PDB file of all heavy atoms in Angstrom:
ATOM      1  N   ASP A   1       0.776  -1.244   0.048  1.00  0.00           N
ATOM      2  CA  ASP A   1       0.021   0.009  -0.022  1.00  0.00           C
ATOM      3  C   ASP A   1       0.927   1.224  -0.044  1.00  0.00           C
ATOM      4  O   ASP A   1       0.401   2.278  -0.435  1.00  0.00           O
ATOM      5  CB  ASP A   1      -0.907   0.047   1.197  1.00  0.00           C
ATOM      6  CG  ASP A   1      -2.077  -1.044   1.081  1.00  0.00           C
ATOM      7  OD1 ASP A   1      -2.268  -1.579  -0.070  1.00  0.00           O
ATOM      8  OD2 ASP A   1      -2.780  -1.241   2.067  1.00  0.00           O
ATOM      9  N   LEU A   2       2.103   1.194   0.465  1.00  0.00           N
ATOM     10  CA  LEU A   2       2.975   2.331   0.530  1.00  0.00           C
ATOM     11  C   LEU A   2       4.163   2.276  -0.328  1.00  0.00           C
ATOM     12  O   LEU A   2       5.253   2.818  -0.154  1.00  0.00           O
ATOM     13  CB  LEU A   2       3.464   2.499   1.987  1.00  0.00           C
ATOM     14  CG  LEU A   2       2.407   3.093   3.038  1.00  0.00           C
ATOM     15  CD1 LEU A   2       2.951   3.121   4.301  1.00  0.00           C
ATOM     16  CD2 LEU A   2       1.862   4.297   2.564  1.00  0.00           C
ATOM     17  N   ALA A   3       4.060   1.376  -1.379  1.00  0.00           N
ATOM     18  CA  ALA A   3       5.096   1.157  -2.345  1.00  0.00           C
ATOM     19  C   ALA A   3       5.727   2.423  -2.983  1.00  0.00           C
ATOM     20  O   ALA A   3       6.908   2.414  -3.366  1.00  0.00           O
ATOM     21  CB  ALA A   3       4.687   0.133  -3.505  1.00  0.00           C
ATOM     22  N   TYR A   4       4.949   3.402  -3.078  1.00  0.00           N
ATOM     23  CA  TYR A   4       5.291   4.756  -3.658  1.00  0.00           C
ATOM     24  C   TYR A   4       5.985   5.578  -2.724  1.00  0.00           C
ATOM     25  O   TYR A   4       6.640   6.606  -3.098  1.00  0.00           O
ATOM     26  CB  TYR A   4       4.135   5.398  -4.194  1.00  0.00           C
ATOM     27  CG  TYR A   4       3.166   5.851  -3.038  1.00  0.00           C
ATOM     28  CD1 TYR A   4       3.168   7.033  -2.411  1.00  0.00           C
ATOM     29  CD2 TYR A   4       2.133   4.907  -2.675  1.00  0.00           C
ATOM     30  CE1 TYR A   4       2.401   7.358  -1.413  1.00  0.00           C
ATOM     31  CE2 TYR A   4       1.289   5.313  -1.589  1.00  0.00           C
ATOM     32  CZ  TYR A   4       1.473   6.443  -1.021  1.00  0.00           C
ATOM     33  OH  TYR A   4       0.628   6.833   0.065  1.00  0.00           O
ATOM     34  N   ALA A   5       6.040   5.228  -1.419  1.00  0.00           N
ATOM     35  CA  ALA A   5       6.504   6.175  -0.457  1.00  0.00           C
ATOM     36  C   ALA A   5       7.924   5.953   0.065  1.00  0.00           C
ATOM     37  O   ALA A   5       8.272   4.800   0.315  1.00  0.00           O
ATOM     38  CB  ALA A   5       5.516   6.176   0.831  1.00  0.00           C
ATOM     39  N   LEU A   6       8.684   7.068   0.184  1.00  0.00           N
ATOM     40  CA  LEU A   6      10.019   6.915   0.736  1.00  0.00           C
ATOM     41  C   LEU A   6       9.952   6.874   2.278  1.00  0.00           C
ATOM     42  O   LEU A   6       9.001   7.379   2.870  1.00  0.00           O
ATOM     43  CB  LEU A   6      10.756   8.193   0.529  1.00  0.00           C
ATOM     44  CG  LEU A   6      11.230   8.381  -0.861  1.00  0.00           C
ATOM     45  CD1 LEU A   6      11.795   9.891  -1.129  1.00  0.00           C
ATOM     46  CD2 LEU A   6      12.196   7.290  -1.443  1.00  0.00           C
ATOM     47  N   GLN A   7      10.701   5.982   2.935  1.00  0.00           N
ATOM     48  CA  GLN A   7      10.884   5.826   4.413  1.00  0.00           C
ATOM     49  C   GLN A   7      11.648   6.974   4.776  1.00  0.00           C
ATOM     50  O   GLN A   7      12.732   7.429   4.161  1.00  0.00           O
ATOM     51  CB  GLN A   7      11.500   4.516   4.644  1.00  0.00           C
ATOM     52  CG  GLN A   7      10.735   3.325   4.323  1.00  0.00           C
ATOM     53  CD  GLN A   7      11.389   2.071   4.747  1.00  0.00           C
ATOM     54  OE1 GLN A   7      12.272   1.955   5.518  1.00  0.00           O
ATOM     55  NE2 GLN A   7      10.948   0.848   4.094  1.00  0.00           N
ATOM     56  N   SER A   8      11.247   7.514   5.947  1.00  0.00           N
ATOM     57  CA  SER A   8      11.930   8.687   6.445  1.00  0.00           C
ATOM     58  C   SER A   8      12.173   8.613   8.059  1.00  0.00           C
ATOM     59  O   SER A   8      11.290   8.027   8.682  1.00  0.00           O
ATOM     60  CB  SER A   8      11.296  10.051   6.269  1.00  0.00           C
ATOM     61  OG  SER A   8      10.091  10.143   6.881  1.00  0.00           O
ATOM     62  N   GLY A   9      13.363   9.056   8.469  1.00  0.00           N
ATOM     63  CA  GLY A   9      13.638   9.058   9.815  1.00  0.00           C
ATOM     64  C   GLY A   9      13.017  10.450  10.408  1.00  0.00           C
ATOM     65  O   GLY A   9      12.195  10.976   9.913  1.00  0.00           O
ATOM     66  N   GLN A  10      13.780  10.835  11.502  1.00  0.00           N
ATOM     67  CA  GLN A  10      13.365  12.004  12.051  1.00  0.00           C
ATOM     68  C   GLN A  10      14.487  13.057  11.816  1.00  0.00           C
ATOM     69  O   GLN A  10      15.679  12.749  11.558  1.00  0.00           O
ATOM     70  CB  GLN A  10      13.136  11.818  13.550  1.00  0.00           C
ATOM     71  CG  GLN A  10      12.031  10.918  13.837  1.00  0.00           C
ATOM     72  CD  GLN A  10      11.889  10.769  15.377  1.00  0.00           C
ATOM     73  OE1 GLN A  10      12.561  11.267  16.166  1.00  0.00           O
ATOM     74  NE2 GLN A  10      10.960  10.003  15.772  1.00  0.00           N
ATOM     75  N   GLY A  11      14.082  14.363  11.961  1.00  0.00           N
ATOM     76  CA  GLY A  11      15.027  15.475  11.851  1.00  0.00           C
ATOM     77  C   GLY A  11      15.139  16.089  10.463  1.00  0.00           C
ATOM     78  O   GLY A  11      14.215  16.067   9.634  1.00  0.00           O
ATOM     79  N   GLY A  12      16.374  16.595  10.322  1.00  0.00           N
ATOM     80  CA  GLY A  12      16.589  17.508   9.102  1.00  0.00           C
ATOM     81  C   GLY A  12      16.466  16.863   7.661  1.00  0.00           C
ATOM     82  O   GLY A  12      16.198  17.488   6.694  1.00  0.00           O
ATOM     83  N   THR A  13      16.644  15.480   7.621  1.00  0.00           N
ATOM     84  CA  THR A  13      16.630  14.873   6.351  1.00  0.00           C
ATOM     85  C   THR A  13      15.147  14.765   5.805  1.00  0.00           C
ATOM     86  O   THR A  13      15.048  14.591   4.557  1.00  0.00           O
ATOM     87  CB  THR A  13      17.109  13.504   6.290  1.00  0.00           C
ATOM     88  OG1 THR A  13      16.370  12.662   7.309  1.00  0.00           O
ATOM     89  CG2 THR A  13      18.597  13.543   6.880  1.00  0.00           C
ATOM     90  N   ARG A  14      14.182  14.908   6.576  1.00  0.00           N
ATOM     91  CA  ARG A  14      12.920  14.778   6.268  1.00  0.00           C
ATOM     92  C   ARG A  14      12.424  15.814   5.134  1.00  0.00           C
ATOM     93  O   ARG A  14      11.702  15.598   4.204  1.00  0.00           O
ATOM     94  CB  ARG A  14      11.888  14.958   7.355  1.00  0.00           C
ATOM     95  CG  ARG A  14      11.943  13.736   8.284  1.00  0.00           C
ATOM     96  CD  ARG A  14      11.155  13.931   9.558  1.00  0.00           C
ATOM     97  NE  ARG A  14      10.115  13.053   9.614  1.00  0.00           N
ATOM     98  CZ  ARG A  14       9.241  13.118  10.602  1.00  0.00           C
ATOM     99  NH1 ARG A  14       9.221  14.106  11.559  1.00  0.00           N
ATOM    100  NH2 ARG A  14       8.217  12.261  10.676  1.00  0.00           N
ATOM    101  N   ALA A  15      12.949  17.084   5.236  1.00  0.00           N
ATOM    102  CA  ALA A  15      12.632  18.069   4.260  1.00  0.00           C
ATOM    103  C   ALA A  15      13.056  17.678   2.898  1.00  0.00           C
ATOM    104  O   ALA A  15      12.308  17.900   1.895  1.00  0.00           O
ATOM    105  CB  ALA A  15      13.228  19.407   4.711  1.00  0.00           C
ATOM    106  N   ILE A  16      14.265  17.150   2.805  1.00  0.00           N
ATOM    107  CA  ILE A  16      14.817  16.734   1.351  1.00  0.00           C
ATOM    108  C   ILE A  16      13.927  15.522   0.914  1.00  0.00           C
ATOM    109  O   ILE A  16      13.665  15.522  -0.156  1.00  0.00           O
ATOM    110  CB  ILE A  16      16.355  16.419   1.676  1.00  0.00           C
ATOM    111  CG1 ILE A  16      17.093  17.789   1.851  1.00  0.00           C
ATOM    112  CG2 ILE A  16      16.785  15.669   0.280  1.00  0.00           C
ATOM    113  CD1 ILE A  16      18.537  17.570   2.110  1.00  0.00           C
ATOM    114  N   LEU A  17      13.707  14.619   1.854  1.00  0.00           N
ATOM    115  CA  LEU A  17      12.903  13.424   1.413  1.00  0.00           C
ATOM    116  C   LEU A  17      11.466  13.901   0.831  1.00  0.00           C
ATOM    117  O   LEU A  17      10.999  13.280  -0.046  1.00  0.00           O
ATOM    118  CB  LEU A  17      12.839  12.452   2.633  1.00  0.00           C
ATOM    119  CG  LEU A  17      14.084  11.783   2.941  1.00  0.00           C
ATOM    120  CD1 LEU A  17      13.974  10.937   4.138  1.00  0.00           C
ATOM    121  CD2 LEU A  17      14.638  10.946   1.743  1.00  0.00           C
ATOM    122  N   ALA A  18      10.862  14.842   1.575  1.00  0.00           N
ATOM    123  CA  ALA A  18       9.575  15.326   1.195  1.00  0.00           C
ATOM    124  C   ALA A  18       9.617  15.972  -0.162  1.00  0.00           C
ATOM    125  O   ALA A  18       8.694  15.708  -0.919  1.00  0.00           O
ATOM    126  CB  ALA A  18       9.067  16.262   2.248  1.00  0.00           C
ATOM    127  N   ALA A  19      10.580  16.682  -0.394  1.00  0.00           N
ATOM    128  CA  ALA A  19      10.668  17.430  -1.756  1.00  0.00           C
ATOM    129  C   ALA A  19      10.882  16.335  -2.906  1.00  0.00           C
ATOM    130  O   ALA A  19      10.207  16.289  -3.967  1.00  0.00           O
ATOM    131  CB  ALA A  19      11.848  18.423  -1.831  1.00  0.00           C
ATOM    132  N   VAL A  20      11.692  15.345  -2.596  1.00  0.00           N
ATOM    133  CA  VAL A  20      11.880  14.355  -3.640  1.00  0.00           C
ATOM    134  C   VAL A  20      10.696  13.401  -3.763  1.00  0.00           C
ATOM    135  O   VAL A  20      10.155  13.030  -4.829  1.00  0.00           O
ATOM    136  CB  VAL A  20      13.142  13.383  -3.236  1.00  0.00           C
ATOM    137  CG1 VAL A  20      13.211  12.261  -4.180  1.00  0.00           C
ATOM    138  CG2 VAL A  20      14.427  14.302  -3.276  1.00  0.00           C
ATOM    139  N   GLN A  21       9.910  13.257  -2.661  1.00  0.00           N
ATOM    140  CA  GLN A  21       8.758  12.435  -2.575  1.00  0.00           C
ATOM    141  C   GLN A  21       7.631  13.054  -3.538  1.00  0.00           C
ATOM    142  O   GLN A  21       6.931  12.363  -4.226  1.00  0.00           O
ATOM    143  CB  GLN A  21       8.207  12.227  -1.140  1.00  0.00           C
ATOM    144  CG  GLN A  21       6.927  11.516  -1.020  1.00  0.00           C
ATOM    145  CD  GLN A  21       7.134  10.018  -1.344  1.00  0.00           C
ATOM    146  OE1 GLN A  21       7.811   9.307  -0.611  1.00  0.00           O
ATOM    147  NE2 GLN A  21       6.622   9.438  -2.538  1.00  0.00           N
ATOM    148  N   ALA A  22       7.561  14.327  -3.531  1.00  0.00           N
ATOM    149  CA  ALA A  22       6.619  15.059  -4.331  1.00  0.00           C
ATOM    150  C   ALA A  22       6.924  14.833  -5.857  1.00  0.00           C
ATOM    151  O   ALA A  22       5.979  14.550  -6.666  1.00  0.00           O
ATOM    152  CB  ALA A  22       6.570  16.580  -4.050  1.00  0.00           C
ATOM    153  N   HIS A  23       8.221  14.778  -6.120  1.00  0.00           N
ATOM    154  CA  HIS A  23       8.467  14.488  -7.631  1.00  0.00           C
ATOM    155  C   HIS A  23       8.249  13.043  -7.923  1.00  0.00           C
ATOM    156  O   HIS A  23       7.839  12.648  -9.071  1.00  0.00           O
ATOM    157  CB  HIS A  23       9.906  14.862  -7.850  1.00  0.00           C
ATOM    158  CG  HIS A  23      10.239  16.219  -8.054  1.00  0.00           C
ATOM    159  ND1 HIS A  23       9.867  16.923  -9.193  1.00  0.00           N
ATOM    160  CD2 HIS A  23      10.551  17.165  -7.224  1.00  0.00           C
ATOM    161  CE1 HIS A  23      10.311  18.294  -9.014  1.00  0.00           C
ATOM    162  NE2 HIS A  23      10.701  18.403  -7.833  1.00  0.00           N
ATOM    163  N   ILE A  24       8.486  12.053  -7.084  1.00  0.00           N
ATOM    164  CA  ILE A  24       8.071  10.684  -7.197  1.00  0.00           C
ATOM    165  C   ILE A  24       6.713  10.440  -7.414  1.00  0.00           C
ATOM    166  O   ILE A  24       6.322   9.739  -8.425  1.00  0.00           O
ATOM    167  CB  ILE A  24       8.616   9.923  -6.096  1.00  0.00           C
ATOM    168  CG1 ILE A  24      10.152   9.775  -5.992  1.00  0.00           C
ATOM    169  CG2 ILE A  24       8.130   8.460  -6.100  1.00  0.00           C
ATOM    170  CD1 ILE A  24      10.784   9.183  -4.696  1.00  0.00           C
ATOM    171  N   ILE A  25       5.779  11.127  -6.696  1.00  0.00           N
ATOM    172  CA  ILE A  25       4.398  10.915  -6.785  1.00  0.00           C
ATOM    173  C   ILE A  25       3.947  11.463  -8.132  1.00  0.00           C
ATOM    174  O   ILE A  25       3.134  10.876  -8.854  1.00  0.00           O
ATOM    175  CB  ILE A  25       3.699  11.486  -5.638  1.00  0.00           C
ATOM    176  CG1 ILE A  25       3.825  10.677  -4.350  1.00  0.00           C
ATOM    177  CG2 ILE A  25       2.152  11.649  -5.946  1.00  0.00           C
ATOM    178  CD1 ILE A  25       3.231  11.189  -3.155  1.00  0.00           C
ATOM    179  N   THR A  26       4.482  12.644  -8.529  1.00  0.00           N
ATOM    180  CA  THR A  26       4.115  13.238  -9.835  1.00  0.00           C
ATOM    181  C   THR A  26       4.497  12.327 -10.961  1.00  0.00           C
ATOM    182  O   THR A  26       3.751  12.077 -11.914  1.00  0.00           O
ATOM    183  CB  THR A  26       4.827  14.502 -10.062  1.00  0.00           C
ATOM    184  OG1 THR A  26       4.406  15.512  -8.963  1.00  0.00           O
ATOM    185  CG2 THR A  26       4.588  15.203 -11.282  1.00  0.00           C
ATOM    186  N   TYR A  27       5.705  11.706 -10.903  1.00  0.00           N
ATOM    187  CA  TYR A  27       6.064  10.792 -11.931  1.00  0.00           C
ATOM    188  C   TYR A  27       5.258   9.552 -11.996  1.00  0.00           C
ATOM    189  O   TYR A  27       4.771   9.144 -13.003  1.00  0.00           O
ATOM    190  CB  TYR A  27       7.617  10.371 -11.685  1.00  0.00           C
ATOM    191  CG  TYR A  27       7.970   9.229 -12.533  1.00  0.00           C
ATOM    192  CD1 TYR A  27       8.391   9.397 -13.844  1.00  0.00           C
ATOM    193  CD2 TYR A  27       8.000   7.858 -12.015  1.00  0.00           C
ATOM    194  CE1 TYR A  27       8.889   8.284 -14.681  1.00  0.00           C
ATOM    195  CE2 TYR A  27       8.427   6.882 -12.898  1.00  0.00           C
ATOM    196  CZ  TYR A  27       8.776   7.017 -14.168  1.00  0.00           C
ATOM    197  OH  TYR A  27       9.176   6.041 -15.062  1.00  0.00           O
ATOM    198  N   LEU A  28       4.858   8.931 -10.856  1.00  0.00           N
ATOM    199  CA  LEU A  28       4.153   7.680 -10.705  1.00  0.00           C
ATOM    200  C   LEU A  28       2.652   8.011 -11.342  1.00  0.00           C
ATOM    201  O   LEU A  28       2.109   7.013 -11.843  1.00  0.00           O
ATOM    202  CB  LEU A  28       4.211   7.082  -9.443  1.00  0.00           C
ATOM    203  CG  LEU A  28       5.535   6.596  -8.990  1.00  0.00           C
ATOM    204  CD1 LEU A  28       5.449   6.150  -7.458  1.00  0.00           C
ATOM    205  CD2 LEU A  28       5.989   5.350  -9.817  1.00  0.00           C
ATOM    206  N   LEU A  29       2.102   9.160 -10.852  1.00  0.00           N
ATOM    207  CA  LEU A  29       0.705   9.369 -11.299  1.00  0.00           C
ATOM    208  C   LEU A  29       0.579   9.893 -12.729  1.00  0.00           C
ATOM    209  O   LEU A  29      -0.378   9.481 -13.426  1.00  0.00           O
ATOM    210  CB  LEU A  29       0.140  10.308 -10.309  1.00  0.00           C
ATOM    211  CG  LEU A  29      -0.171   9.988  -8.907  1.00  0.00           C
ATOM    212  CD1 LEU A  29      -0.792  11.070  -8.109  1.00  0.00           C
ATOM    213  CD2 LEU A  29      -1.342   8.795  -9.049  1.00  0.00           C
ATOM    214  N   PHE A  30       1.486  10.810 -13.240  1.00  0.00           N
ATOM    215  CA  PHE A  30       1.165  11.469 -14.491  1.00  0.00           C
ATOM    216  C   PHE A  30       2.223  11.269 -15.552  1.00  0.00           C
ATOM    217  O   PHE A  30       1.934  11.587 -16.671  1.00  0.00           O
ATOM    218  CB  PHE A  30       1.151  13.010 -14.098  1.00  0.00           C
ATOM    219  CG  PHE A  30       0.239  13.301 -12.976  1.00  0.00           C
ATOM    220  CD1 PHE A  30       0.654  13.924 -11.934  1.00  0.00           C
ATOM    221  CD2 PHE A  30      -1.162  13.138 -13.307  1.00  0.00           C
ATOM    222  CE1 PHE A  30      -0.251  14.153 -10.920  1.00  0.00           C
ATOM    223  CE2 PHE A  30      -2.129  13.386 -12.245  1.00  0.00           C
ATOM    224  CZ  PHE A  30      -1.616  13.925 -11.035  1.00  0.00           C
ATOM    225  N   THR A  31       3.321  10.623 -15.325  1.00  0.00           N
ATOM    226  CA  THR A  31       4.430  10.583 -16.319  1.00  0.00           C
ATOM    227  C   THR A  31       4.502   9.183 -16.891  1.00  0.00           C
ATOM    228  O   THR A  31       4.503   9.016 -18.142  1.00  0.00           O
ATOM    229  CB  THR A  31       5.704  10.989 -15.795  1.00  0.00           C
ATOM    230  OG1 THR A  31       5.619  12.319 -15.314  1.00  0.00           O
ATOM    231  CG2 THR A  31       6.743  10.963 -16.890  1.00  0.00           C
ATOM    232  N   ARG A  32       4.565   8.185 -16.001  1.00  0.00           N
ATOM    233  CA  ARG A  32       4.850   6.806 -16.518  1.00  0.00           C
ATOM    234  C   ARG A  32       3.511   6.302 -17.135  1.00  0.00           C
ATOM    235  O   ARG A  32       2.441   6.652 -16.918  1.00  0.00           O
ATOM    236  CB  ARG A  32       5.278   5.786 -15.436  1.00  0.00           C
ATOM    237  CG  ARG A  32       4.272   5.500 -14.428  1.00  0.00           C
ATOM    238  CD  ARG A  32       4.809   4.611 -13.359  1.00  0.00           C
ATOM    239  NE  ARG A  32       3.804   4.441 -12.379  1.00  0.00           N
ATOM    240  CZ  ARG A  32       3.349   3.227 -12.002  1.00  0.00           C
ATOM    241  NH1 ARG A  32       3.762   2.143 -12.532  1.00  0.00           N
ATOM    242  NH2 ARG A  32       2.426   3.134 -11.096  1.00  0.00           N
ATOM    243  N   ASP A  33       3.720   5.412 -18.072  1.00  0.00           N
ATOM    244  CA  ASP A  33       2.565   4.861 -18.896  1.00  0.00           C
ATOM    245  C   ASP A  33       2.072   3.575 -18.335  1.00  0.00           C
ATOM    246  O   ASP A  33       2.848   2.600 -18.180  1.00  0.00           O
ATOM    247  CB  ASP A  33       3.086   4.659 -20.422  1.00  0.00           C
ATOM    248  CG  ASP A  33       1.945   4.388 -21.332  1.00  0.00           C
ATOM    249  OD1 ASP A  33       0.828   4.683 -21.070  1.00  0.00           O
ATOM    250  OD2 ASP A  33       2.116   3.640 -22.334  1.00  0.00           O
ATOM    251  N   THR A  34       0.845   3.564 -17.964  1.00  0.00           N
ATOM    252  CA  THR A  34       0.159   2.392 -17.248  1.00  0.00           C
ATOM    253  C   THR A  34      -1.299   2.543 -17.450  1.00  0.00           C
ATOM    254  O   THR A  34      -1.879   3.561 -17.560  1.00  0.00           O
ATOM    255  CB  THR A  34       0.589   2.098 -15.848  1.00  0.00           C
ATOM    256  OG1 THR A  34      -0.050   0.958 -15.251  1.00  0.00           O
ATOM    257  CG2 THR A  34       0.280   3.363 -15.036  1.00  0.00           C
ATOM    258  N   GLU A  35      -1.914   1.351 -17.427  1.00  0.00           N
ATOM    259  CA  GLU A  35      -3.445   1.452 -17.561  1.00  0.00           C
ATOM    260  C   GLU A  35      -4.147   1.487 -16.125  1.00  0.00           C
ATOM    261  O   GLU A  35      -5.338   1.582 -16.148  1.00  0.00           O
ATOM    262  CB  GLU A  35      -3.951   0.073 -18.190  1.00  0.00           C
ATOM    263  CG  GLU A  35      -3.396  -0.233 -19.425  1.00  0.00           C
ATOM    264  CD  GLU A  35      -2.332  -1.293 -19.498  1.00  0.00           C
ATOM    265  OE1 GLU A  35      -2.394  -2.273 -18.542  1.00  0.00           O
ATOM    266  OE2 GLU A  35      -1.299  -1.254 -20.164  1.00  0.00           O
ATOM    267  N   CYS A  36      -3.330   1.409 -15.101  1.00  0.00           N
ATOM    268  CA  CYS A  36      -4.031   1.446 -13.787  1.00  0.00           C
ATOM    269  C   CYS A  36      -4.658   2.735 -13.485  1.00  0.00           C
ATOM    270  O   CYS A  36      -4.264   3.886 -14.121  1.00  0.00           O
ATOM    271  CB  CYS A  36      -2.908   1.171 -12.632  1.00  0.00           C
ATOM    272  SG  CYS A  36      -2.182  -0.399 -12.883  1.00  0.00           S
ATOM    273  N   THR A  37      -5.579   2.827 -12.665  1.00  0.00           N
ATOM    274  CA  THR A  37      -6.139   4.034 -12.086  1.00  0.00           C
ATOM    275  C   THR A  37      -5.204   4.753 -11.318  1.00  0.00           C
ATOM    276  O   THR A  37      -4.200   4.237 -10.841  1.00  0.00           O
ATOM    277  CB  THR A  37      -7.501   3.779 -11.342  1.00  0.00           C
ATOM    278  OG1 THR A  37      -7.125   3.084 -10.128  1.00  0.00           O
ATOM    279  CG2 THR A  37      -8.473   3.024 -12.131  1.00  0.00           C
ATOM    280  N   HIS A  38      -5.500   6.038 -10.888  1.00  0.00           N
ATOM    281  CA  HIS A  38      -4.557   6.725 -10.183  1.00  0.00           C
ATOM    282  C   HIS A  38      -4.063   6.170  -8.919  1.00  0.00           C
ATOM    283  O   HIS A  38      -2.935   6.025  -8.498  1.00  0.00           O
ATOM    284  CB  HIS A  38      -5.028   8.170  -9.856  1.00  0.00           C
ATOM    285  CG  HIS A  38      -5.076   9.056 -11.075  1.00  0.00           C
ATOM    286  ND1 HIS A  38      -3.929   9.244 -11.877  1.00  0.00           N
ATOM    287  CD2 HIS A  38      -6.053   9.796 -11.614  1.00  0.00           C
ATOM    288  CE1 HIS A  38      -4.163  10.051 -12.836  1.00  0.00           C
ATOM    289  NE2 HIS A  38      -5.396  10.497 -12.714  1.00  0.00           N
ATOM    290  N   LEU A  39      -5.044   5.682  -7.972  1.00  0.00           N
ATOM    291  CA  LEU A  39      -4.666   5.057  -6.798  1.00  0.00           C
ATOM    292  C   LEU A  39      -3.903   3.748  -6.982  1.00  0.00           C
ATOM    293  O   LEU A  39      -2.905   3.527  -6.403  1.00  0.00           O
ATOM    294  CB  LEU A  39      -5.945   4.727  -5.974  1.00  0.00           C
ATOM    295  CG  LEU A  39      -5.659   4.228  -4.560  1.00  0.00           C
ATOM    296  CD1 LEU A  39      -4.664   5.127  -3.798  1.00  0.00           C
ATOM    297  CD2 LEU A  39      -6.915   4.059  -3.804  1.00  0.00           C
TER     298      LEU A  39
END
């Protein structure tokens, strides 16, 4: 269920992981070619 999500610890690295996570979700939802629904 969370295959799309990066694992994150605590602290300062979370901000960088969150920024990259936004690009990952954009790629998985709108860029790659697949017949699956959004979810």
